[in-house]
Amino acid sequence: MTTYTCKPGHDRAAALSAAAAALAAGQLVVTPTDTVYGIACDAFSPAAVAALLAAKHRGPDMPVPVLVGSWQAAEDIAGELPAAALTLMKAYWPGGLSVVVPQARSVEWDLGETAESVMLRMPLNAVAVDLLRRTGPLGVSSANITGHPPATSIDQAEEQLGESVAIYLDGGPADIGTASTIVDVTCDPPRIIREGAITADDIARVVGVPATVLLRSAA
């Protein structure tokens, strides 16, 4: 277990190189994002995904989300994006919005019980985006044990995850400190699975559906 400081004035390139190498070797890395800290793995390695789920003490019934560093990566994973997804992504990416979209048939991985869908987000955080540009899409979940508060600092992440993670990237306190809002756009109307960094009213204004409908359909 090694912690690298990625704050201004430190060698972020060396930290990112070490993190990318660890991920390529199937190990886990904790990275800052704009919302909360995330625990990351190679999304295309079943063993790495299993290790991430084990570190969080949860099973495949809670599949691993995916972070992307570009629109192209999202389009490659999702294939043809639903209109509601594009509208929301244009409004809130990069940022605190996760969208559940249909997964392209050409993508082969095992993120858990996804029902042929995938949760995607593009973070608004320089360290995370730089890492994603080195590695491509990563399986990333909040850096905490399931049922415990998401880590908003590197110390909180280390306290919960300890030696299960090979490398910790310290980017300072999370900017938002609240998990992303999750919107499922595989159904019509879309449904809010979790209200977080972006309010239901803000989502409603963008998609043109009352917030009560978006929240009620999530029940």
C-alpha atoms as a PDB file:
ATOM      1  CA  MET A   1       0.000   0.000   0.000  1.00  0.00           C
ATOM      2  CA  THR A   2       1.499   3.306  -1.147  1.00  0.00           C
ATOM      3  CA  THR A   3       0.069   6.826  -0.953  1.00  0.00           C
ATOM      4  CA  TYR A   4       1.048   9.477  -3.494  1.00  0.00           C
ATOM      5  CA  THR A   5       0.309  13.178  -3.147  1.00  0.00           C
ATOM      6  CA  CYS A   6      -1.176  14.646  -6.317  1.00  0.00           C
ATOM      7  CA  LYS A   7      -1.607  18.187  -5.027  1.00  0.00           C
ATOM      8  CA  PRO A   8       0.098  21.133  -6.796  1.00  0.00           C
ATOM      9  CA  GLY A   9       3.854  21.133  -6.321  1.00  0.00           C
ATOM     10  CA  HIS A  10       4.120  17.330  -6.267  1.00  0.00           C
ATOM     11  CA  ASP A  11       5.089  14.869  -9.010  1.00  0.00           C
ATOM     12  CA  ARG A  12       1.635  13.912 -10.230  1.00  0.00           C
ATOM     13  CA  ALA A  13       2.979  12.258 -13.376  1.00  0.00           C
ATOM     14  CA  ALA A  14       4.954   9.707 -11.345  1.00  0.00           C
ATOM     15  CA  ALA A  15       1.927   9.020  -9.160  1.00  0.00           C
ATOM     16  CA  LEU A  16      -0.312   8.474 -12.183  1.00  0.00           C
ATOM     17  CA  SER A  17       2.242   6.193 -13.849  1.00  0.00           C
ATOM     18  CA  ALA A  18       2.404   4.037 -10.722  1.00  0.00           C
ATOM     19  CA  ALA A  19      -1.382   3.962 -10.462  1.00  0.00           C
ATOM     20  CA  ALA A  20      -1.804   3.015 -14.129  1.00  0.00           C
ATOM     21  CA  ALA A  21       0.740   0.220 -13.745  1.00  0.00           C
ATOM     22  CA  ALA A  22      -1.033  -1.113 -10.661  1.00  0.00           C
ATOM     23  CA  LEU A  23      -4.378  -1.119 -12.465  1.00  0.00           C
ATOM     24  CA  ALA A  24      -2.872  -2.918 -15.443  1.00  0.00           C
ATOM     25  CA  ALA A  25      -1.603  -5.575 -13.024  1.00  0.00           C
ATOM     26  CA  GLY A  26      -5.115  -6.141 -11.690  1.00  0.00           C
ATOM     27  CA  GLN A  27      -4.653  -4.189  -8.461  1.00  0.00           C
ATOM     28  CA  LEU A  28      -6.935  -1.567  -6.911  1.00  0.00           C
ATOM     29  CA  VAL A  29      -6.315   2.183  -6.794  1.00  0.00           C
ATOM     30  CA  VAL A  30      -8.109   4.915  -4.864  1.00  0.00           C
ATOM     31  CA  THR A  31      -8.445   8.175  -6.785  1.00  0.00           C
ATOM     32  CA  PRO A  32     -10.017  11.530  -6.018  1.00  0.00           C
ATOM     33  CA  THR A  33     -13.041  12.612  -8.014  1.00  0.00           C
ATOM     34  CA  ASP A  34     -15.132  15.757  -7.842  1.00  0.00           C
ATOM     35  CA  THR A  35     -17.878  14.073  -5.785  1.00  0.00           C
ATOM     36  CA  VAL A  36     -16.189  11.609  -3.393  1.00  0.00           C
ATOM     37  CA  TYR A  37     -13.084   9.424  -3.516  1.00  0.00           C
ATOM     38  CA  GLY A  38     -13.395   6.341  -5.701  1.00  0.00           C
ATOM     39  CA  ILE A  39     -11.900   2.846  -5.633  1.00  0.00           C
ATOM     40  CA  ALA A  40     -10.865   1.901  -9.166  1.00  0.00           C
ATOM     41  CA  CYS A  41     -10.062  -1.288 -11.064  1.00  0.00           C
ATOM     42  CA  ASP A  42      -9.516  -2.515 -14.601  1.00  0.00           C
ATOM     43  CA  ALA A  43     -13.125  -2.827 -15.766  1.00  0.00           C
ATOM     44  CA  PHE A  44     -12.187  -5.539 -18.274  1.00  0.00           C
ATOM     45  CA  SER A  45     -10.566  -7.826 -15.681  1.00  0.00           C
ATOM     46  CA  PRO A  46     -13.104 -10.071 -13.914  1.00  0.00           C
ATOM     47  CA  ALA A  47     -10.575 -10.761 -11.159  1.00  0.00           C
ATOM     48  CA  ALA A  48     -10.005  -7.035 -10.569  1.00  0.00           C
ATOM     49  CA  VAL A  49     -13.753  -6.360 -10.479  1.00  0.00           C
ATOM     50  CA  ALA A  50     -14.172  -9.210  -7.985  1.00  0.00           C
ATOM     51  CA  ALA A  51     -11.386  -7.725  -5.849  1.00  0.00           C
ATOM     52  CA  LEU A  52     -13.111  -4.336  -5.860  1.00  0.00           C
ATOM     53  CA  LEU A  53     -16.418  -5.877  -4.777  1.00  0.00           C
ATOM     54  CA  ALA A  54     -14.628  -7.847  -2.053  1.00  0.00           C
ATOM     55  CA  ALA A  55     -12.868  -4.706  -0.782  1.00  0.00           C
ATOM     56  CA  LYS A  56     -16.250  -3.010  -0.438  1.00  0.00           C
ATOM     57  CA  HIS A  57     -17.830  -6.109   1.149  1.00  0.00           C
ATOM     58  CA  ARG A  58     -20.547  -6.367  -1.464  1.00  0.00           C
ATOM     59  CA  GLY A  59     -21.683  -8.775  -4.141  1.00  0.00           C
ATOM     60  CA  PRO A  60     -22.383  -8.711  -7.887  1.00  0.00           C
ATOM     61  CA  ASP A  61     -25.991  -7.689  -7.215  1.00  0.00           C
ATOM     62  CA  MET A  62     -24.557  -4.156  -6.815  1.00  0.00           C
ATOM     63  CA  PRO A  63     -22.617  -3.845 -10.110  1.00  0.00           C
ATOM     64  CA  VAL A  64     -19.569  -1.621 -10.506  1.00  0.00           C
ATOM     65  CA  PRO A  65     -20.058   1.755 -12.242  1.00  0.00           C
ATOM     66  CA  VAL A  66     -17.644   2.953 -14.930  1.00  0.00           C
ATOM     67  CA  LEU A  67     -15.810   6.279 -15.151  1.00  0.00           C
ATOM     68  CA  VAL A  68     -14.820   7.621 -18.559  1.00  0.00           C
ATOM     69  CA  GLY A  69     -12.445  10.394 -19.522  1.00  0.00           C
ATOM     70  CA  SER A  70     -14.033  11.332 -22.847  1.00  0.00           C
ATOM     71  CA  TRP A  71     -17.311  11.405 -24.751  1.00  0.00           C
ATOM     72  CA  GLN A  72     -15.868   8.945 -27.247  1.00  0.00           C
ATOM     73  CA  ALA A  73     -15.278   6.394 -24.516  1.00  0.00           C
ATOM     74  CA  ALA A  74     -18.876   6.750 -23.364  1.00  0.00           C
ATOM     75  CA  GLU A  75     -20.188   6.328 -26.904  1.00  0.00           C
ATOM     76  CA  ASP A  76     -18.042   3.230 -27.446  1.00  0.00           C
ATOM     77  CA  ILE A  77     -19.394   1.614 -24.282  1.00  0.00           C
ATOM     78  CA  ALA A  78     -23.033   2.576 -24.705  1.00  0.00           C
ATOM     79  CA  GLY A  79     -23.396   2.300 -28.453  1.00  0.00           C
ATOM     80  CA  GLU A  80     -26.459   4.381 -29.383  1.00  0.00           C
ATOM     81  CA  LEU A  81     -27.163   6.645 -26.416  1.00  0.00           C
ATOM     82  CA  PRO A  82     -30.816   7.399 -25.624  1.00  0.00           C
ATOM     83  CA  ALA A  83     -31.890  11.004 -26.265  1.00  0.00           C
ATOM     84  CA  ALA A  84     -32.478  11.622 -22.540  1.00  0.00           C
ATOM     85  CA  ALA A  85     -28.949  10.434 -21.783  1.00  0.00           C
ATOM     86  CA  LEU A  86     -27.405  12.803 -24.313  1.00  0.00           C
ATOM     87  CA  THR A  87     -29.439  15.718 -22.984  1.00  0.00           C
ATOM     88  CA  LEU A  88     -28.378  15.059 -19.406  1.00  0.00           C
ATOM     89  CA  MET A  89     -24.747  14.386 -20.287  1.00  0.00           C
ATOM     90  CA  LYS A  90     -24.503  17.636 -22.256  1.00  0.00           C
ATOM     91  CA  ALA A  91     -25.930  19.505 -19.276  1.00  0.00           C
ATOM     92  CA  TYR A  92     -23.933  17.900 -16.463  1.00  0.00           C
ATOM     93  CA  TRP A  93     -20.787  16.248 -17.843  1.00  0.00           C
ATOM     94  CA  PRO A  94     -18.155  16.381 -16.610  1.00  0.00           C
ATOM     95  CA  GLY A  95     -19.698  16.489 -13.148  1.00  0.00           C
ATOM     96  CA  GLY A  96     -21.848  14.831 -10.551  1.00  0.00           C
ATOM     97  CA  LEU A  97     -24.203  12.895 -12.837  1.00  0.00           C
ATOM     98  CA  SER A  98     -24.152   9.127 -13.377  1.00  0.00           C
ATOM     99  CA  VAL A  99     -26.378   7.712 -16.117  1.00  0.00           C
ATOM    100  CA  VAL A 100     -27.500   4.122 -16.497  1.00  0.00           C
ATOM    101  CA  VAL A 101     -27.552   3.396 -20.236  1.00  0.00           C
ATOM    102  CA  PRO A 102     -27.830   0.319 -22.459  1.00  0.00           C
ATOM    103  CA  GLN A 103     -24.480  -1.373 -22.941  1.00  0.00           C
ATOM    104  CA  ALA A 104     -23.093  -1.956 -26.445  1.00  0.00           C
ATOM    105  CA  ARG A 105     -23.101  -5.635 -27.407  1.00  0.00           C
ATOM    106  CA  SER A 106     -19.457  -5.392 -28.463  1.00  0.00           C
ATOM    107  CA  VAL A 107     -18.294  -4.624 -24.905  1.00  0.00           C
ATOM    108  CA  GLU A 108     -17.183  -7.720 -23.023  1.00  0.00           C
ATOM    109  CA  TRP A 109     -16.734  -7.471 -19.269  1.00  0.00           C
ATOM    110  CA  ASP A 110     -18.350  -8.635 -16.039  1.00  0.00           C
ATOM    111  CA  LEU A 111     -19.223  -5.727 -13.751  1.00  0.00           C
ATOM    112  CA  GLY A 112     -21.863  -7.675 -11.858  1.00  0.00           C
ATOM    113  CA  GLU A 113     -25.574  -8.138 -12.445  1.00  0.00           C
ATOM    114  CA  THR A 114     -26.074  -5.282 -14.895  1.00  0.00           C
ATOM    115  CA  ALA A 115     -29.015  -6.524 -17.017  1.00  0.00           C
ATOM    116  CA  GLU A 116     -27.132  -5.437 -20.177  1.00  0.00           C
ATOM    117  CA  SER A 117     -26.791  -1.874 -18.913  1.00  0.00           C
ATOM    118  CA  VAL A 118     -23.899   0.147 -17.498  1.00  0.00           C
ATOM    119  CA  MET A 119     -23.622   3.158 -15.214  1.00  0.00           C
ATOM    120  CA  LEU A 120     -21.358   5.842 -16.698  1.00  0.00           C
ATOM    121  CA  ARG A 121     -19.920   9.092 -15.371  1.00  0.00           C
ATOM    122  CA  MET A 122     -17.293  11.604 -16.463  1.00  0.00           C
ATOM    123  CA  PRO A 123     -15.736  13.230 -13.376  1.00  0.00           C
ATOM    124  CA  LEU A 124     -14.765  16.882 -13.107  1.00  0.00           C
ATOM    125  CA  ASN A 125     -11.402  16.244 -11.477  1.00  0.00           C
ATOM    126  CA  ALA A 126      -8.003  16.671 -13.102  1.00  0.00           C
ATOM    127  CA  VAL A 127      -6.335  13.724 -11.326  1.00  0.00           C
ATOM    128  CA  ALA A 128      -9.141  11.320 -12.207  1.00  0.00           C
ATOM    129  CA  VAL A 129      -9.336  12.467 -15.827  1.00  0.00           C
ATOM    130  CA  ASP A 130      -5.555  12.263 -16.267  1.00  0.00           C
ATOM    131  CA  LEU A 131      -5.642   8.708 -14.910  1.00  0.00           C
ATOM    132  CA  LEU A 132      -8.523   7.753 -17.223  1.00  0.00           C
ATOM    133  CA  ARG A 133      -6.648   9.122 -20.219  1.00  0.00           C
ATOM    134  CA  ARG A 134      -3.773   6.796 -19.358  1.00  0.00           C
ATOM    135  CA  THR A 135      -5.888   3.713 -18.716  1.00  0.00           C
ATOM    136  CA  GLY A 136      -9.167   4.072 -20.597  1.00  0.00           C
ATOM    137  CA  PRO A 137     -12.495   3.453 -18.828  1.00  0.00           C
ATOM    138  CA  LEU A 138     -12.215   2.164 -15.262  1.00  0.00           C
ATOM    139  CA  GLY A 139     -14.578   0.386 -12.942  1.00  0.00           C
ATOM    140  CA  VAL A 140     -14.953   2.857 -10.083  1.00  0.00           C
ATOM    141  CA  SER A 141     -17.161   2.810  -7.000  1.00  0.00           C
ATOM    142  CA  SER A 142     -17.149   5.065  -3.958  1.00  0.00           C
ATOM    143  CA  ALA A 143     -14.127   4.428  -1.738  1.00  0.00           C
ATOM    144  CA  ASN A 144     -15.875   2.955   1.273  1.00  0.00           C
ATOM    145  CA  ILE A 145     -17.145  -0.274   2.743  1.00  0.00           C
ATOM    146  CA  THR A 146     -20.766  -0.743   1.709  1.00  0.00           C
ATOM    147  CA  GLY A 147     -23.059   0.784   4.315  1.00  0.00           C
ATOM    148  CA  HIS A 148     -20.424   3.232   5.542  1.00  0.00           C
ATOM    149  CA  PRO A 149     -20.139   6.894   4.487  1.00  0.00           C
ATOM    150  CA  PRO A 150     -18.282   7.495   1.186  1.00  0.00           C
ATOM    151  CA  ALA A 151     -14.763   8.819   1.712  1.00  0.00           C
ATOM    152  CA  THR A 152     -14.312  12.526   1.003  1.00  0.00           C
ATOM    153  CA  SER A 153     -10.601  12.504   1.941  1.00  0.00           C
ATOM    154  CA  ILE A 154      -7.711  10.114   1.450  1.00  0.00           C
ATOM    155  CA  ASP A 155      -7.533   9.445   5.198  1.00  0.00           C
ATOM    156  CA  GLN A 156     -11.148   8.268   5.253  1.00  0.00           C
ATOM    157  CA  ALA A 157     -10.502   5.991   2.278  1.00  0.00           C
ATOM    158  CA  GLU A 158      -7.383   4.463   3.839  1.00  0.00           C
ATOM    159  CA  GLU A 159      -9.172   3.913   7.155  1.00  0.00           C
ATOM    160  CA  GLN A 160     -11.946   1.906   5.471  1.00  0.00           C
ATOM    161  CA  LEU A 161     -10.093   0.060   2.701  1.00  0.00           C
ATOM    162  CA  GLY A 162      -6.570  -0.347   4.097  1.00  0.00           C
ATOM    163  CA  GLU A 163      -4.317  -2.938   2.491  1.00  0.00           C
ATOM    164  CA  SER A 164      -6.946  -4.073  -0.034  1.00  0.00           C
ATOM    165  CA  VAL A 165      -5.833  -1.112  -2.173  1.00  0.00           C
ATOM    166  CA  ALA A 166      -2.362  -0.988  -3.723  1.00  0.00           C
ATOM    167  CA  ILE A 167      -2.123   2.756  -4.383  1.00  0.00           C
ATOM    168  CA  TYR A 168      -3.879   5.778  -2.919  1.00  0.00           C
ATOM    169  CA  LEU A 169      -3.839   9.070  -4.847  1.00  0.00           C
ATOM    170  CA  ASP A 170      -4.276  12.041  -2.512  1.00  0.00           C
ATOM    171  CA  GLY A 171      -5.853  15.001  -4.269  1.00  0.00           C
ATOM    172  CA  GLY A 172      -7.043  16.793  -1.155  1.00  0.00           C
ATOM    173  CA  PRO A 173     -10.651  17.032   0.069  1.00  0.00           C
ATOM    174  CA  ALA A 174     -13.333  16.173  -2.479  1.00  0.00           C
ATOM    175  CA  ASP A 175     -14.759  19.325  -4.060  1.00  0.00           C
ATOM    176  CA  ILE A 176     -18.434  18.365  -3.726  1.00  0.00           C
ATOM    177  CA  GLY A 177     -18.333  15.792  -0.953  1.00  0.00           C
ATOM    178  CA  THR A 178     -21.616  14.194  -2.002  1.00  0.00           C
ATOM    179  CA  ALA A 179     -22.044  11.122  -4.213  1.00  0.00           C
ATOM    180  CA  SER A 180     -23.287  11.577  -7.765  1.00  0.00           C
ATOM    181  CA  THR A 181     -26.946  11.613  -8.740  1.00  0.00           C
ATOM    182  CA  ILE A 182     -27.866   8.436 -10.618  1.00  0.00           C
ATOM    183  CA  VAL A 183     -30.438   8.577 -13.416  1.00  0.00           C
ATOM    184  CA  ASP A 184     -31.634   5.466 -15.255  1.00  0.00           C
ATOM    185  CA  VAL A 185     -32.352   6.392 -18.864  1.00  0.00           C
ATOM    186  CA  THR A 186     -33.047   2.830 -20.035  1.00  0.00           C
ATOM    187  CA  CYS A 187     -36.719   3.468 -19.213  1.00  0.00           C
ATOM    188  CA  ASP A 188     -39.236   6.135 -20.247  1.00  0.00           C
ATOM    189  CA  PRO A 189     -39.609   8.392 -18.389  1.00  0.00           C
ATOM    190  CA  PRO A 190     -36.145   8.254 -16.831  1.00  0.00           C
ATOM    191  CA  ARG A 191     -35.989   7.461 -13.134  1.00  0.00           C
ATOM    192  CA  ILE A 192     -33.757   8.847 -10.429  1.00  0.00           C
ATOM    193  CA  ILE A 193     -32.139   5.929  -8.615  1.00  0.00           C
ATOM    194  CA  ARG A 194     -30.244   8.171  -6.201  1.00  0.00           C
ATOM    195  CA  GLU A 195     -30.468  11.907  -5.644  1.00  0.00           C
ATOM    196  CA  GLY A 196     -27.036  13.285  -4.853  1.00  0.00           C
ATOM    197  CA  ALA A 197     -24.816  16.065  -6.165  1.00  0.00           C
ATOM    198  CA  ILE A 198     -27.486  17.236  -8.652  1.00  0.00           C
ATOM    199  CA  THR A 199     -31.017  17.808  -7.379  1.00  0.00           C
ATOM    200  CA  ALA A 200     -34.104  16.101  -8.742  1.00  0.00           C
ATOM    201  CA  ASP A 201     -35.476  19.535  -9.686  1.00  0.00           C
ATOM    202  CA  ASP A 202     -32.383  20.225 -11.787  1.00  0.00           C
ATOM    203  CA  ILE A 203     -32.731  16.866 -13.556  1.00  0.00           C
ATOM    204  CA  ALA A 204     -36.443  17.541 -14.123  1.00  0.00           C
ATOM    205  CA  ARG A 205     -35.762  20.895 -15.772  1.00  0.00           C
ATOM    206  CA  VAL A 206     -33.349  19.326 -18.243  1.00  0.00           C
ATOM    207  CA  VAL A 207     -35.439  16.299 -19.271  1.00  0.00           C
ATOM    208  CA  GLY A 208     -38.813  18.067 -19.121  1.00  0.00           C
ATOM    209  CA  VAL A 209     -40.369  15.596 -16.679  1.00  0.00           C
ATOM    210  CA  PRO A 210     -41.675  16.620 -13.235  1.00  0.00           C
ATOM    211  CA  ALA A 211     -39.367  15.718 -10.370  1.00  0.00           C
ATOM    212  CA  THR A 212     -42.203  13.875  -8.637  1.00  0.00           C
ATOM    213  CA  VAL A 213     -42.498  11.566 -11.646  1.00  0.00           C
ATOM    214  CA  LEU A 214     -38.746  10.938 -11.800  1.00  0.00           C
ATOM    215  CA  LEU A 215     -38.609  10.140  -8.097  1.00  0.00           C
ATOM    216  CA  ARG A 216     -41.842   8.166  -7.973  1.00  0.00           C
ATOM    217  CA  SER A 217     -40.726   5.918 -10.835  1.00  0.00           C
ATOM    218  CA  ALA A 218     -37.622   5.032  -8.809  1.00  0.00           C
ATOM    219  CA  ALA A 219     -39.714   3.500  -6.045  1.00  0.00           C
END
